[in-house]
Amino acid sequence: MEKQNFITIETICKYHNVPVAFILSLGDFDLIEIQIINSEPCILQSQLVEVEKYVRLHNDLEINSEGLSAICHLIQRLEVMQEQITQLKMRLELYEDNIQ
């Protein structure tokens, strides 16, 4: 079984100088998964890149958790639509090749 490394939210907040409530709100909006380890809220180390992205958007552009949630939802929809466009292009090319 793969060993999972966790980082406490307190450590992240101290390093990035953000309130604990902000990181917890990311969990409330399902942007990150918060787990309680030894009675402390933690995240998986693999989520750290995402958390740092949210912290930069929050600090640099003053986007709150609700805004971050909306942005992530829109990005996910764009990625799905881009995949659909790619698939449609491939089908169209296949159809055009059959006609010629």
N, C-alpha and C. Protein backbone atom coordinates (compact mmCIF):
# COMPACT_ATOMS: atom_id res chain seq x y z
N MET A 1 0.83 -1.18 0.00
CA MET A 1 0.00 0.00 0.00
C MET A 1 0.88 1.25 0.00
N GLU A 2 0.50 2.22 -0.77
CA GLU A 2 1.28 3.43 -0.93
C GLU A 2 1.18 4.31 0.31
N LYS A 3 2.32 4.79 0.78
CA LYS A 3 2.34 5.68 1.94
C LYS A 3 1.97 7.08 1.48
N GLN A 4 1.04 7.70 2.22
CA GLN A 4 0.60 9.04 1.87
C GLN A 4 1.18 10.03 2.87
N ASN A 5 1.75 11.09 2.36
CA ASN A 5 2.33 12.12 3.21
C ASN A 5 1.35 13.26 3.35
N PHE A 6 1.18 13.72 4.57
CA PHE A 6 0.25 14.80 4.87
C PHE A 6 1.00 16.03 5.36
N ILE A 7 0.39 17.19 5.12
CA ILE A 7 0.93 18.46 5.59
C ILE A 7 -0.17 19.12 6.40
N THR A 8 0.17 19.60 7.58
CA THR A 8 -0.85 20.25 8.39
C THR A 8 -1.22 21.60 7.78
N ILE A 9 -2.47 21.96 7.96
CA ILE A 9 -2.95 23.24 7.45
C ILE A 9 -2.23 24.38 8.16
N GLU A 10 -1.93 24.18 9.43
CA GLU A 10 -1.22 25.21 10.19
C GLU A 10 0.15 25.51 9.55
N THR A 11 0.85 24.47 9.12
CA THR A 11 2.15 24.65 8.46
C THR A 11 2.00 25.44 7.17
N ILE A 12 0.99 25.11 6.38
CA ILE A 12 0.75 25.81 5.11
C ILE A 12 0.45 27.29 5.39
N CYS A 13 -0.39 27.53 6.38
CA CYS A 13 -0.78 28.91 6.69
C CYS A 13 0.40 29.74 7.18
N LYS A 14 1.25 29.15 7.99
CA LYS A 14 2.44 29.88 8.46
C LYS A 14 3.37 30.20 7.29
N TYR A 15 3.58 29.22 6.42
CA TYR A 15 4.50 29.41 5.29
C TYR A 15 3.99 30.46 4.31
N HIS A 16 2.68 30.43 4.02
CA HIS A 16 2.11 31.32 3.01
C HIS A 16 1.47 32.57 3.62
N ASN A 17 1.46 32.66 4.93
CA ASN A 17 0.91 33.82 5.64
C ASN A 17 -0.56 34.06 5.26
N VAL A 18 -1.35 33.00 5.36
CA VAL A 18 -2.80 33.10 5.12
C VAL A 18 -3.52 32.57 6.36
N PRO A 19 -4.73 33.02 6.59
CA PRO A 19 -5.47 32.52 7.75
C PRO A 19 -5.91 31.07 7.57
N VAL A 20 -5.99 30.37 8.67
CA VAL A 20 -6.44 28.98 8.65
C VAL A 20 -7.84 28.90 8.06
N ALA A 21 -8.66 29.89 8.36
CA ALA A 21 -10.04 29.89 7.86
C ALA A 21 -10.09 29.85 6.33
N PHE A 22 -9.13 30.50 5.67
CA PHE A 22 -9.11 30.48 4.21
C PHE A 22 -8.88 29.07 3.69
N ILE A 23 -7.90 28.37 4.24
CA ILE A 23 -7.61 27.01 3.79
C ILE A 23 -8.79 26.08 4.10
N LEU A 24 -9.38 26.26 5.27
CA LEU A 24 -10.55 25.45 5.62
C LEU A 24 -11.71 25.72 4.67
N SER A 25 -11.85 26.98 4.24
CA SER A 25 -12.93 27.31 3.30
C SER A 25 -12.71 26.64 1.94
N LEU A 26 -11.45 26.44 1.56
CA LEU A 26 -11.17 25.70 0.32
C LEU A 26 -11.74 24.28 0.43
N GLY A 27 -11.63 23.71 1.60
CA GLY A 27 -12.20 22.39 1.83
C GLY A 27 -13.72 22.44 1.82
N ASP A 28 -14.29 23.50 2.38
CA ASP A 28 -15.75 23.64 2.38
C ASP A 28 -16.32 23.71 0.97
N PHE A 29 -15.56 24.30 0.05
CA PHE A 29 -16.01 24.42 -1.34
C PHE A 29 -15.52 23.25 -2.20
N ASP A 30 -15.00 22.21 -1.57
CA ASP A 30 -14.53 20.99 -2.24
C ASP A 30 -13.42 21.26 -3.25
N LEU A 31 -12.63 22.29 -3.00
CA LEU A 31 -11.48 22.56 -3.86
C LEU A 31 -10.29 21.70 -3.43
N ILE A 32 -10.23 21.36 -2.15
CA ILE A 32 -9.21 20.46 -1.62
C ILE A 32 -9.89 19.50 -0.65
N GLU A 33 -9.23 18.41 -0.36
CA GLU A 33 -9.75 17.44 0.60
C GLU A 33 -8.97 17.56 1.89
N ILE A 34 -9.67 17.91 2.94
CA ILE A 34 -9.03 18.06 4.25
C ILE A 34 -9.32 16.81 5.07
N GLN A 35 -8.27 16.27 5.67
CA GLN A 35 -8.40 15.09 6.51
C GLN A 35 -7.85 15.41 7.89
N ILE A 36 -8.43 14.80 8.89
CA ILE A 36 -7.97 15.00 10.26
C ILE A 36 -7.00 13.87 10.60
N ILE A 37 -5.76 14.25 10.88
CA ILE A 37 -4.71 13.29 11.27
C ILE A 37 -4.19 13.73 12.63
N ASN A 38 -4.27 12.83 13.61
CA ASN A 38 -3.85 13.14 14.98
C ASN A 38 -4.49 14.43 15.47
N SER A 39 -5.78 14.57 15.24
CA SER A 39 -6.62 15.70 15.65
C SER A 39 -6.20 17.04 15.05
N GLU A 40 -5.46 17.00 13.94
CA GLU A 40 -5.09 18.23 13.22
C GLU A 40 -5.56 18.14 11.78
N PRO A 41 -6.15 19.24 11.26
CA PRO A 41 -6.55 19.22 9.85
C PRO A 41 -5.32 19.24 8.94
N CYS A 42 -5.33 18.35 7.95
CA CYS A 42 -4.19 18.18 7.05
C CYS A 42 -4.69 18.00 5.62
N ILE A 43 -3.75 18.17 4.69
CA ILE A 43 -4.03 17.84 3.30
C ILE A 43 -2.95 16.88 2.81
N LEU A 44 -3.27 16.18 1.75
CA LEU A 44 -2.26 15.33 1.14
C LEU A 44 -1.18 16.20 0.50
N GLN A 45 0.04 15.75 0.55
CA GLN A 45 1.14 16.49 -0.05
C GLN A 45 0.90 16.70 -1.54
N SER A 46 0.23 15.76 -2.18
CA SER A 46 -0.03 15.88 -3.61
C SER A 46 -0.98 17.04 -3.94
N GLN A 47 -1.70 17.55 -2.96
CA GLN A 47 -2.61 18.68 -3.17
C GLN A 47 -1.92 20.03 -2.97
N LEU A 48 -0.69 20.01 -2.56
CA LEU A 48 0.01 21.25 -2.22
C LEU A 48 0.10 22.21 -3.40
N VAL A 49 0.32 21.69 -4.58
CA VAL A 49 0.41 22.55 -5.78
C VAL A 49 -0.90 23.30 -5.98
N GLU A 50 -2.02 22.59 -5.84
CA GLU A 50 -3.33 23.23 -5.98
C GLU A 50 -3.54 24.29 -4.91
N VAL A 51 -3.20 23.97 -3.67
CA VAL A 51 -3.37 24.92 -2.58
C VAL A 51 -2.54 26.18 -2.84
N GLU A 52 -1.32 26.00 -3.29
CA GLU A 52 -0.47 27.15 -3.57
C GLU A 52 -1.03 27.99 -4.70
N LYS A 53 -1.65 27.36 -5.70
CA LYS A 53 -2.29 28.10 -6.77
C LYS A 53 -3.44 28.93 -6.22
N TYR A 54 -4.25 28.34 -5.36
CA TYR A 54 -5.37 29.07 -4.76
C TYR A 54 -4.88 30.22 -3.88
N VAL A 55 -3.80 29.99 -3.15
CA VAL A 55 -3.25 31.04 -2.29
C VAL A 55 -2.75 32.21 -3.14
N ARG A 56 -2.07 31.92 -4.25
CA ARG A 56 -1.59 33.00 -5.13
C ARG A 56 -2.75 33.79 -5.71
N LEU A 57 -3.79 33.10 -6.18
CA LEU A 57 -4.95 33.80 -6.72
C LEU A 57 -5.62 34.65 -5.64
N HIS A 58 -5.69 34.12 -4.44
CA HIS A 58 -6.30 34.83 -3.32
C HIS A 58 -5.47 36.07 -2.96
N ASN A 59 -4.17 35.91 -2.86
CA ASN A 59 -3.31 37.02 -2.45
C ASN A 59 -3.12 38.05 -3.57
N ASP A 60 -2.82 37.59 -4.77
CA ASP A 60 -2.48 38.51 -5.86
C ASP A 60 -3.71 39.21 -6.44
N LEU A 61 -4.80 38.47 -6.58
CA LEU A 61 -5.99 39.02 -7.23
C LEU A 61 -7.15 39.25 -6.27
N GLU A 62 -6.92 38.93 -5.00
CA GLU A 62 -7.94 39.10 -3.95
C GLU A 62 -9.24 38.36 -4.27
N ILE A 63 -9.09 37.14 -4.76
CA ILE A 63 -10.25 36.30 -5.07
C ILE A 63 -10.58 35.47 -3.84
N ASN A 64 -11.85 35.51 -3.42
CA ASN A 64 -12.25 34.74 -2.25
C ASN A 64 -12.53 33.28 -2.63
N SER A 65 -12.86 32.49 -1.63
CA SER A 65 -13.08 31.06 -1.86
C SER A 65 -14.23 30.78 -2.81
N GLU A 66 -15.29 31.59 -2.71
CA GLU A 66 -16.43 31.42 -3.61
C GLU A 66 -16.00 31.67 -5.05
N GLY A 67 -15.20 32.71 -5.26
CA GLY A 67 -14.70 33.01 -6.59
C GLY A 67 -13.79 31.92 -7.12
N LEU A 68 -12.94 31.39 -6.26
CA LEU A 68 -12.04 30.31 -6.66
C LEU A 68 -12.84 29.08 -7.07
N SER A 69 -13.91 28.81 -6.35
CA SER A 69 -14.77 27.68 -6.69
C SER A 69 -15.39 27.88 -8.06
N ALA A 70 -15.87 29.08 -8.33
CA ALA A 70 -16.48 29.37 -9.63
C ALA A 70 -15.45 29.25 -10.75
N ILE A 71 -14.26 29.77 -10.52
CA ILE A 71 -13.20 29.71 -11.52
C ILE A 71 -12.84 28.25 -11.84
N CYS A 72 -12.69 27.44 -10.80
CA CYS A 72 -12.34 26.03 -11.01
C CYS A 72 -13.44 25.30 -11.77
N HIS A 73 -14.68 25.61 -11.45
CA HIS A 73 -15.80 24.98 -12.17
C HIS A 73 -15.75 25.35 -13.66
N LEU A 74 -15.51 26.62 -13.96
CA LEU A 74 -15.44 27.07 -15.35
C LEU A 74 -14.26 26.43 -16.08
N ILE A 75 -13.13 26.33 -15.42
CA ILE A 75 -11.95 25.71 -16.04
C ILE A 75 -12.24 24.25 -16.36
N GLN A 76 -12.89 23.55 -15.44
CA GLN A 76 -13.23 22.14 -15.69
C GLN A 76 -14.16 22.02 -16.89
N ARG A 77 -15.13 22.91 -16.99
CA ARG A 77 -16.05 22.88 -18.13
C ARG A 77 -15.31 23.17 -19.43
N LEU A 78 -14.37 24.11 -19.40
CA LEU A 78 -13.58 24.42 -20.59
C LEU A 78 -12.75 23.21 -21.03
N GLU A 79 -12.17 22.52 -20.06
CA GLU A 79 -11.36 21.34 -20.39
C GLU A 79 -12.22 20.25 -21.02
N VAL A 80 -13.42 20.06 -20.51
CA VAL A 80 -14.33 19.06 -21.09
C VAL A 80 -14.70 19.47 -22.51
N MET A 81 -15.02 20.74 -22.70
CA MET A 81 -15.39 21.21 -24.03
C MET A 81 -14.21 21.11 -25.00
N GLN A 82 -13.01 21.38 -24.54
CA GLN A 82 -11.83 21.26 -25.39
C GLN A 82 -11.63 19.82 -25.82
N GLU A 83 -11.85 18.89 -24.91
CA GLU A 83 -11.74 17.47 -25.25
C GLU A 83 -12.80 17.08 -26.27
N GLN A 84 -14.00 17.59 -26.10
CA GLN A 84 -15.06 17.30 -27.06
C GLN A 84 -14.72 17.87 -28.44
N ILE A 85 -14.17 19.07 -28.48
CA ILE A 85 -13.77 19.68 -29.76
C ILE A 85 -12.71 18.82 -30.44
N THR A 86 -11.74 18.35 -29.67
CA THR A 86 -10.68 17.50 -30.22
C THR A 86 -11.27 16.22 -30.80
N GLN A 87 -12.18 15.60 -30.08
CA GLN A 87 -12.80 14.37 -30.57
C GLN A 87 -13.62 14.64 -31.84
N LEU A 88 -14.34 15.75 -31.87
CA LEU A 88 -15.13 16.08 -33.05
C LEU A 88 -14.25 16.36 -34.26
N LYS A 89 -13.12 17.02 -34.04
CA LYS A 89 -12.18 17.26 -35.14
C LYS A 89 -11.66 15.95 -35.71
N MET A 90 -11.35 15.01 -34.83
CA MET A 90 -10.84 13.72 -35.28
C MET A 90 -11.91 12.99 -36.08
N ARG A 91 -13.14 13.03 -35.62
CA ARG A 91 -14.23 12.38 -36.35
C ARG A 91 -14.46 13.05 -37.70
N LEU A 92 -14.38 14.37 -37.72
CA LEU A 92 -14.56 15.10 -38.97
C LEU A 92 -13.45 14.77 -39.96
N GLU A 93 -12.22 14.70 -39.49
CA GLU A 93 -11.11 14.35 -40.37
C GLU A 93 -11.29 12.94 -40.92
N LEU A 94 -11.76 12.03 -40.10
CA LEU A 94 -12.00 10.66 -40.54
C LEU A 94 -13.09 10.66 -41.62
N TYR A 95 -14.14 11.42 -41.41
CA TYR A 95 -15.23 11.52 -42.38
C TYR A 95 -14.74 12.14 -43.68
N GLU A 96 -13.95 13.20 -43.59
CA GLU A 96 -13.43 13.87 -44.78
C GLU A 96 -12.48 12.95 -45.55
N ASP A 97 -11.69 12.17 -44.84
CA ASP A 97 -10.78 11.23 -45.50
C ASP A 97 -11.54 10.14 -46.25
N ASN A 98 -12.69 9.72 -45.74
CA ASN A 98 -13.50 8.70 -46.39
C ASN A 98 -14.17 9.23 -47.64
N ILE A 99 -14.45 10.51 -47.66
CA ILE A 99 -15.13 11.11 -48.83
C ILE A 99 -14.14 11.24 -49.99
N GLN A 100 -12.91 11.58 -49.70
CA GLN A 100 -11.93 11.83 -50.76
C GLN A 100 -11.40 10.59 -51.34
